[in-house]
Amino acid sequence: MTRWKMYAEIHQLKDMGLKKAQVARRLDIDVKTVIK
């Protein structure tokens, strides 16, 4: 996954109301990456 695509997906999921941990689980990435 490219960085920009991941960035866009994280923001899309956060806009849908998901919490940081939920976004991390759904994308199979670390929570620290979502926070960044």
Protein backbone atom coordinates (compact mmCIF):
# COMPACT_ATOMS: atom_id res chain seq x y z
CA MET A 1 0.00 0.00 0.00
CA THR A 2 1.43 3.37 -0.94
CA ARG A 3 1.77 6.04 1.70
CA TRP A 4 -0.77 8.38 0.13
CA LYS A 5 -3.33 5.63 -0.28
CA MET A 6 -2.88 4.61 3.36
CA TYR A 7 -3.14 8.26 4.44
CA ALA A 8 -6.38 8.66 2.48
CA GLU A 9 -7.86 5.43 3.85
CA ILE A 10 -7.01 6.38 7.44
CA HIS A 11 -8.69 9.74 7.08
CA GLN A 12 -11.71 8.24 5.35
CA LEU A 13 -12.22 5.71 8.16
CA LYS A 14 -11.70 8.37 10.85
CA ASP A 15 -14.28 10.60 9.11
CA MET A 16 -16.71 7.67 9.28
CA GLY A 17 -16.37 7.82 13.06
CA LEU A 18 -14.03 4.90 13.73
CA LYS A 19 -11.59 5.20 16.60
CA LYS A 20 -7.83 5.00 16.07
CA ALA A 21 -7.63 1.41 17.32
CA GLN A 22 -10.49 0.35 15.04
CA VAL A 23 -8.82 1.97 12.03
CA ALA A 24 -5.54 0.21 12.87
CA ARG A 25 -7.26 -3.17 13.16
CA ARG A 26 -9.18 -2.73 9.92
CA LEU A 27 -6.06 -1.74 7.93
CA ASP A 28 -3.81 -4.20 9.79
CA ILE A 29 -1.34 -1.49 10.82
CA ASP A 30 0.04 -0.25 14.14
CA VAL A 31 -1.98 2.28 16.16
CA LYS A 32 1.09 4.52 16.28
CA THR A 33 0.94 4.76 12.49
CA VAL A 34 -2.68 5.89 12.66
CA ILE A 35 -1.84 8.49 15.31
CA LYS A 36 0.98 9.84 13.17
